[in-house]
Amino acid sequence: MLFAAKVLVSALLIAGASELGKRSTFAGAILISLPLSSLLAVTWLYVETKDPSRAAAMTSGIFWAVLPSLLFFLVLPALLKRGWGYWPALGAACAATTAGYAVYAGVMRRLGAAFEM
């Protein structure tokens, strides 16, 4: 039952942002840029585990993982403005983001950060 509630709430959030984006791209961007998905994920984790230390660790991890994810938001619009088709630009932006995460993980390992994978 909890899983169904998680799916429903999460799906409504994404669908709501998409619908809002049809009316105003700015408003849709603001809604989806809020850390609502992170808030939901951390809340679901806490509800299921009742472990505040896991929620804190996840929140810290999200903070640092945001940095390489920003590549997506730089690469996609840059390629689209250069005339790339949507799908190739999306693929390249995803590839750049994946590479950013790989670099991020390597740097964090060198710094001695522990990863739970």
N, C-alpha and C. Protein backbone atom coordinates (compact mmCIF):
# COMPACT_ATOMS: atom_id res chain seq x y z
N MET A 1 0.82 -1.19 0.00
CA MET A 1 0.00 0.00 0.00
C MET A 1 0.87 1.26 0.00
N LEU A 2 1.94 1.26 0.81
CA LEU A 2 2.83 2.41 0.86
C LEU A 2 3.49 2.63 -0.50
N PHE A 3 3.88 1.54 -1.15
CA PHE A 3 4.50 1.66 -2.47
C PHE A 3 3.54 2.35 -3.45
N ALA A 4 2.29 1.96 -3.44
CA ALA A 4 1.30 2.58 -4.33
C ALA A 4 1.15 4.06 -4.03
N ALA A 5 1.16 4.43 -2.76
CA ALA A 5 1.07 5.84 -2.38
C ALA A 5 2.29 6.60 -2.87
N LYS A 6 3.47 6.00 -2.74
CA LYS A 6 4.70 6.65 -3.22
C LYS A 6 4.64 6.89 -4.72
N VAL A 7 4.21 5.87 -5.45
CA VAL A 7 4.11 6.00 -6.91
C VAL A 7 3.11 7.08 -7.29
N LEU A 8 1.96 7.09 -6.66
CA LEU A 8 0.92 8.06 -6.98
C LEU A 8 1.37 9.49 -6.70
N VAL A 9 1.89 9.74 -5.52
CA VAL A 9 2.33 11.09 -5.17
C VAL A 9 3.46 11.55 -6.09
N SER A 10 4.43 10.68 -6.33
CA SER A 10 5.57 11.03 -7.19
C SER A 10 5.12 11.29 -8.62
N ALA A 11 4.24 10.46 -9.14
CA ALA A 11 3.73 10.63 -10.51
C ALA A 11 2.94 11.92 -10.63
N LEU A 12 2.14 12.23 -9.64
CA LEU A 12 1.35 13.47 -9.68
C LEU A 12 2.25 14.70 -9.69
N LEU A 13 3.34 14.65 -8.96
CA LEU A 13 4.29 15.76 -8.94
C LEU A 13 4.89 15.99 -10.33
N ILE A 14 5.35 14.93 -10.96
CA ILE A 14 5.97 15.06 -12.28
C ILE A 14 4.93 15.48 -13.33
N ALA A 15 3.77 14.86 -13.31
CA ALA A 15 2.72 15.21 -14.25
C ALA A 15 2.27 16.65 -14.04
N GLY A 16 2.17 17.07 -12.79
CA GLY A 16 1.78 18.45 -12.50
C GLY A 16 2.77 19.45 -13.05
N ALA A 17 4.05 19.17 -12.91
CA ALA A 17 5.06 20.08 -13.45
C ALA A 17 5.00 20.13 -14.97
N SER A 18 4.77 18.99 -15.59
CA SER A 18 4.66 18.94 -17.04
C SER A 18 3.46 19.76 -17.53
N GLU A 19 2.33 19.59 -16.87
CA GLU A 19 1.12 20.34 -17.24
C GLU A 19 1.31 21.83 -17.00
N LEU A 20 1.91 22.17 -15.88
CA LEU A 20 2.17 23.58 -15.59
C LEU A 20 3.13 24.17 -16.63
N GLY A 21 4.11 23.37 -17.06
CA GLY A 21 5.06 23.82 -18.07
C GLY A 21 4.42 24.15 -19.40
N LYS A 22 3.28 23.52 -19.71
CA LYS A 22 2.55 23.85 -20.95
C LYS A 22 2.00 25.27 -20.89
N ARG A 23 1.62 25.69 -19.70
CA ARG A 23 1.05 27.03 -19.54
C ARG A 23 2.13 28.08 -19.35
N SER A 24 3.16 27.72 -18.61
CA SER A 24 4.26 28.65 -18.32
C SER A 24 5.52 27.83 -18.09
N THR A 25 6.47 27.93 -19.01
CA THR A 25 7.71 27.17 -18.84
C THR A 25 8.44 27.62 -17.58
N PHE A 26 8.34 28.91 -17.26
CA PHE A 26 9.00 29.41 -16.05
C PHE A 26 8.39 28.78 -14.80
N ALA A 27 7.07 28.77 -14.71
CA ALA A 27 6.41 28.20 -13.53
C ALA A 27 6.68 26.70 -13.44
N GLY A 28 6.66 26.00 -14.57
CA GLY A 28 6.97 24.57 -14.57
C GLY A 28 8.40 24.32 -14.10
N ALA A 29 9.32 25.17 -14.56
CA ALA A 29 10.72 25.04 -14.16
C ALA A 29 10.89 25.28 -12.66
N ILE A 30 10.20 26.29 -12.16
CA ILE A 30 10.29 26.58 -10.72
C ILE A 30 9.77 25.38 -9.91
N LEU A 31 8.62 24.86 -10.31
CA LEU A 31 8.04 23.73 -9.56
C LEU A 31 8.97 22.53 -9.56
N ILE A 32 9.50 22.18 -10.72
CA ILE A 32 10.32 20.97 -10.79
C ILE A 32 11.72 21.20 -10.24
N SER A 33 12.17 22.47 -10.18
CA SER A 33 13.49 22.74 -9.62
C SER A 33 13.49 22.70 -8.10
N LEU A 34 12.31 22.83 -7.51
CA LEU A 34 12.25 22.68 -6.06
C LEU A 34 12.68 21.27 -5.70
N PRO A 35 13.29 21.10 -4.57
CA PRO A 35 13.76 19.75 -4.24
C PRO A 35 12.63 18.83 -3.77
N LEU A 36 11.51 18.89 -4.49
CA LEU A 36 10.35 18.09 -4.09
C LEU A 36 10.61 16.60 -4.22
N SER A 37 11.28 16.19 -5.30
CA SER A 37 11.56 14.76 -5.45
C SER A 37 12.53 14.30 -4.36
N SER A 38 13.49 15.14 -4.01
CA SER A 38 14.41 14.78 -2.92
C SER A 38 13.65 14.72 -1.60
N LEU A 39 12.78 15.69 -1.38
CA LEU A 39 11.98 15.71 -0.16
C LEU A 39 11.14 14.44 -0.05
N LEU A 40 10.51 14.08 -1.17
CA LEU A 40 9.71 12.85 -1.16
C LEU A 40 10.57 11.62 -0.89
N ALA A 41 11.71 11.51 -1.57
CA ALA A 41 12.57 10.33 -1.39
C ALA A 41 13.08 10.22 0.04
N VAL A 42 13.51 11.33 0.61
CA VAL A 42 14.01 11.31 1.99
C VAL A 42 12.87 10.99 2.96
N THR A 43 11.70 11.55 2.69
CA THR A 43 10.55 11.27 3.54
C THR A 43 10.16 9.80 3.47
N TRP A 44 10.09 9.24 2.24
CA TRP A 44 9.75 7.82 2.12
C TRP A 44 10.79 6.97 2.84
N LEU A 45 12.08 7.33 2.70
CA LEU A 45 13.13 6.58 3.39
C LEU A 45 12.92 6.62 4.90
N TYR A 46 12.65 7.80 5.43
CA TYR A 46 12.45 7.91 6.88
C TYR A 46 11.19 7.16 7.33
N VAL A 47 10.10 7.30 6.59
CA VAL A 47 8.85 6.62 6.96
C VAL A 47 9.08 5.11 7.03
N GLU A 48 9.84 4.59 6.10
CA GLU A 48 10.06 3.14 6.05
C GLU A 48 11.10 2.64 7.04
N THR A 49 12.12 3.47 7.34
CA THR A 49 13.22 3.00 8.21
C THR A 49 13.19 3.59 9.62
N LYS A 50 12.53 4.74 9.77
CA LYS A 50 12.53 5.48 11.05
C LYS A 50 13.96 5.80 11.51
N ASP A 51 14.87 5.94 10.55
CA ASP A 51 16.28 6.16 10.86
C ASP A 51 16.69 7.56 10.41
N PRO A 52 16.78 8.51 11.34
CA PRO A 52 17.15 9.88 10.95
C PRO A 52 18.57 9.98 10.39
N SER A 53 19.46 9.09 10.81
CA SER A 53 20.83 9.16 10.29
C SER A 53 20.88 8.78 8.81
N ARG A 54 20.04 7.85 8.39
CA ARG A 54 19.97 7.49 6.96
C ARG A 54 19.38 8.65 6.16
N ALA A 55 18.37 9.31 6.72
CA ALA A 55 17.78 10.47 6.04
C ALA A 55 18.81 11.58 5.92
N ALA A 56 19.58 11.81 6.97
CA ALA A 56 20.62 12.84 6.94
C ALA A 56 21.70 12.50 5.92
N ALA A 57 22.12 11.23 5.89
CA ALA A 57 23.15 10.81 4.94
C ALA A 57 22.66 10.95 3.51
N MET A 58 21.40 10.60 3.28
CA MET A 58 20.85 10.72 1.93
C MET A 58 20.78 12.19 1.51
N THR A 59 20.36 13.04 2.43
CA THR A 59 20.27 14.47 2.13
C THR A 59 21.64 15.05 1.81
N SER A 60 22.65 14.68 2.57
CA SER A 60 24.02 15.15 2.28
C SER A 60 24.49 14.65 0.93
N GLY A 61 24.20 13.39 0.65
CA GLY A 61 24.59 12.82 -0.64
C GLY A 61 23.92 13.54 -1.80
N ILE A 62 22.65 13.87 -1.63
CA ILE A 62 21.93 14.60 -2.68
C ILE A 62 22.58 15.96 -2.91
N PHE A 63 22.94 16.65 -1.84
CA PHE A 63 23.58 17.96 -1.99
C PHE A 63 24.81 17.88 -2.88
N TRP A 64 25.70 16.94 -2.59
CA TRP A 64 26.93 16.84 -3.37
C TRP A 64 26.68 16.30 -4.77
N ALA A 65 25.68 15.46 -4.95
CA ALA A 65 25.39 14.90 -6.26
C ALA A 65 24.72 15.90 -7.20
N VAL A 66 24.22 16.99 -6.66
CA VAL A 66 23.60 18.02 -7.51
C VAL A 66 24.65 18.64 -8.43
N LEU A 67 25.86 18.77 -7.95
CA LEU A 67 26.89 19.46 -8.74
C LEU A 67 27.09 18.85 -10.13
N PRO A 68 27.36 17.53 -10.24
CA PRO A 68 27.52 16.99 -11.60
C PRO A 68 26.21 16.97 -12.39
N SER A 69 25.08 16.95 -11.72
CA SER A 69 23.80 16.94 -12.45
C SER A 69 23.56 18.25 -13.18
N LEU A 70 24.22 19.31 -12.75
CA LEU A 70 24.05 20.61 -13.40
C LEU A 70 24.56 20.60 -14.85
N LEU A 71 25.45 19.66 -15.16
CA LEU A 71 25.93 19.53 -16.55
C LEU A 71 24.77 19.36 -17.53
N PHE A 72 23.78 18.58 -17.13
CA PHE A 72 22.62 18.34 -17.99
C PHE A 72 21.96 19.66 -18.39
N PHE A 73 21.79 20.54 -17.40
CA PHE A 73 21.08 21.80 -17.63
C PHE A 73 21.93 22.83 -18.36
N LEU A 74 23.21 22.57 -18.49
CA LEU A 74 24.07 23.42 -19.30
C LEU A 74 24.19 22.89 -20.73
N VAL A 75 24.36 21.59 -20.86
CA VAL A 75 24.61 20.97 -22.16
C VAL A 75 23.36 20.95 -23.04
N LEU A 76 22.22 20.52 -22.49
CA LEU A 76 21.01 20.40 -23.30
C LEU A 76 20.61 21.71 -23.97
N PRO A 77 20.44 22.80 -23.24
CA PRO A 77 20.04 24.04 -23.94
C PRO A 77 21.12 24.55 -24.90
N ALA A 78 22.39 24.35 -24.55
CA ALA A 78 23.46 24.81 -25.45
C ALA A 78 23.39 24.08 -26.78
N LEU A 79 23.18 22.77 -26.76
CA LEU A 79 23.11 22.00 -28.00
C LEU A 79 21.84 22.33 -28.80
N LEU A 80 20.73 22.50 -28.11
CA LEU A 80 19.49 22.85 -28.80
C LEU A 80 19.61 24.22 -29.47
N LYS A 81 20.26 25.15 -28.81
CA LYS A 81 20.46 26.49 -29.40
C LYS A 81 21.41 26.44 -30.59
N ARG A 82 22.26 25.41 -30.66
CA ARG A 82 23.18 25.25 -31.79
C ARG A 82 22.54 24.47 -32.93
N GLY A 83 21.25 24.15 -32.80
CA GLY A 83 20.55 23.50 -33.88
C GLY A 83 20.49 21.99 -33.82
N TRP A 84 20.98 21.39 -32.76
CA TRP A 84 20.88 19.94 -32.64
C TRP A 84 19.41 19.55 -32.52
N GLY A 85 19.07 18.37 -32.99
CA GLY A 85 17.73 17.83 -32.78
C GLY A 85 17.55 17.50 -31.31
N TYR A 86 16.30 17.44 -30.88
CA TYR A 86 16.03 17.22 -29.46
C TYR A 86 16.63 15.91 -28.96
N TRP A 87 16.38 14.80 -29.65
CA TRP A 87 16.82 13.49 -29.16
C TRP A 87 18.34 13.35 -29.11
N PRO A 88 19.07 13.77 -30.18
CA PRO A 88 20.53 13.72 -30.06
C PRO A 88 21.07 14.63 -28.96
N ALA A 89 20.47 15.81 -28.79
CA ALA A 89 20.92 16.73 -27.74
C ALA A 89 20.64 16.13 -26.36
N LEU A 90 19.48 15.49 -26.22
CA LEU A 90 19.14 14.85 -24.95
C LEU A 90 20.13 13.73 -24.64
N GLY A 91 20.44 12.93 -25.65
CA GLY A 91 21.42 11.85 -25.44
C GLY A 91 22.78 12.38 -25.06
N ALA A 92 23.22 13.44 -25.73
CA ALA A 92 24.53 14.03 -25.42
C ALA A 92 24.53 14.64 -24.02
N ALA A 93 23.43 15.28 -23.64
CA ALA A 93 23.34 15.86 -22.30
C ALA A 93 23.36 14.77 -21.23
N CYS A 94 22.68 13.67 -21.50
CA CYS A 94 22.70 12.53 -20.56
C CYS A 94 24.10 11.93 -20.49
N ALA A 95 24.78 11.83 -21.62
CA ALA A 95 26.14 11.30 -21.63
C ALA A 95 27.09 12.22 -20.85
N ALA A 96 26.95 13.52 -21.04
CA ALA A 96 27.78 14.47 -20.31
C ALA A 96 27.53 14.37 -18.81
N THR A 97 26.28 14.21 -18.44
CA THR A 97 25.93 14.08 -17.03
C THR A 97 26.49 12.79 -16.45
N THR A 98 26.41 11.71 -17.21
CA THR A 98 26.97 10.43 -16.77
C THR A 98 28.48 10.55 -16.57
N ALA A 99 29.14 11.21 -17.51
CA ALA A 99 30.58 11.43 -17.38
C ALA A 99 30.88 12.29 -16.15
N GLY A 100 30.05 13.30 -15.93
CA GLY A 100 30.22 14.14 -14.74
C GLY A 100 30.09 13.35 -13.46
N TYR A 101 29.12 12.44 -13.41
CA TYR A 101 28.96 11.61 -12.23
C TYR A 101 30.16 10.67 -12.05
N ALA A 102 30.69 10.15 -13.15
CA ALA A 102 31.87 9.27 -13.05
C ALA A 102 33.06 10.04 -12.49
N VAL A 103 33.28 11.25 -12.98
CA VAL A 103 34.37 12.08 -12.46
C VAL A 103 34.12 12.39 -10.99
N TYR A 104 32.89 12.76 -10.67
CA TYR A 104 32.51 13.07 -9.29
C TYR A 104 32.80 11.89 -8.37
N ALA A 105 32.38 10.69 -8.77
CA ALA A 105 32.60 9.50 -7.95
C ALA A 105 34.09 9.25 -7.76
N GLY A 106 34.87 9.42 -8.83
CA GLY A 106 36.31 9.23 -8.72
C GLY A 106 36.96 10.22 -7.77
N VAL A 107 36.56 11.48 -7.86
CA VAL A 107 37.10 12.50 -6.97
C VAL A 107 36.71 12.21 -5.52
N MET A 108 35.46 11.84 -5.31
CA MET A 108 35.00 11.55 -3.95
C MET A 108 35.73 10.34 -3.37
N ARG A 109 36.00 9.34 -4.19
CA ARG A 109 36.76 8.16 -3.70
C ARG A 109 38.18 8.57 -3.32
N ARG A 110 38.79 9.42 -4.16
CA ARG A 110 40.16 9.88 -3.86
C ARG A 110 40.20 10.69 -2.56
N LEU A 111 39.13 11.39 -2.29
CA LEU A 111 39.05 12.16 -1.06
C LEU A 111 38.68 11.31 0.14
N GLY A 112 38.42 10.03 -0.10
CA GLY A 112 38.12 9.11 0.98
C GLY A 112 36.65 9.04 1.38
N ALA A 113 35.79 9.57 0.54
CA ALA A 113 34.36 9.51 0.86
C ALA A 113 33.87 8.08 0.70
N ALA A 114 33.07 7.66 1.62
CA ALA A 114 32.51 6.31 1.56
C ALA A 114 31.22 6.35 0.74
N PHE A 115 31.08 5.42 -0.15
CA PHE A 115 29.88 5.31 -0.97
C PHE A 115 29.15 4.03 -0.63
N GLU A 116 27.87 4.14 -0.57
CA GLU A 116 27.03 2.98 -0.36
C GLU A 116 26.40 2.64 -1.69
N MET A 117 26.93 1.65 -2.38
CA MET A 117 26.44 1.31 -3.71
C MET A 117 25.87 -0.07 -3.75
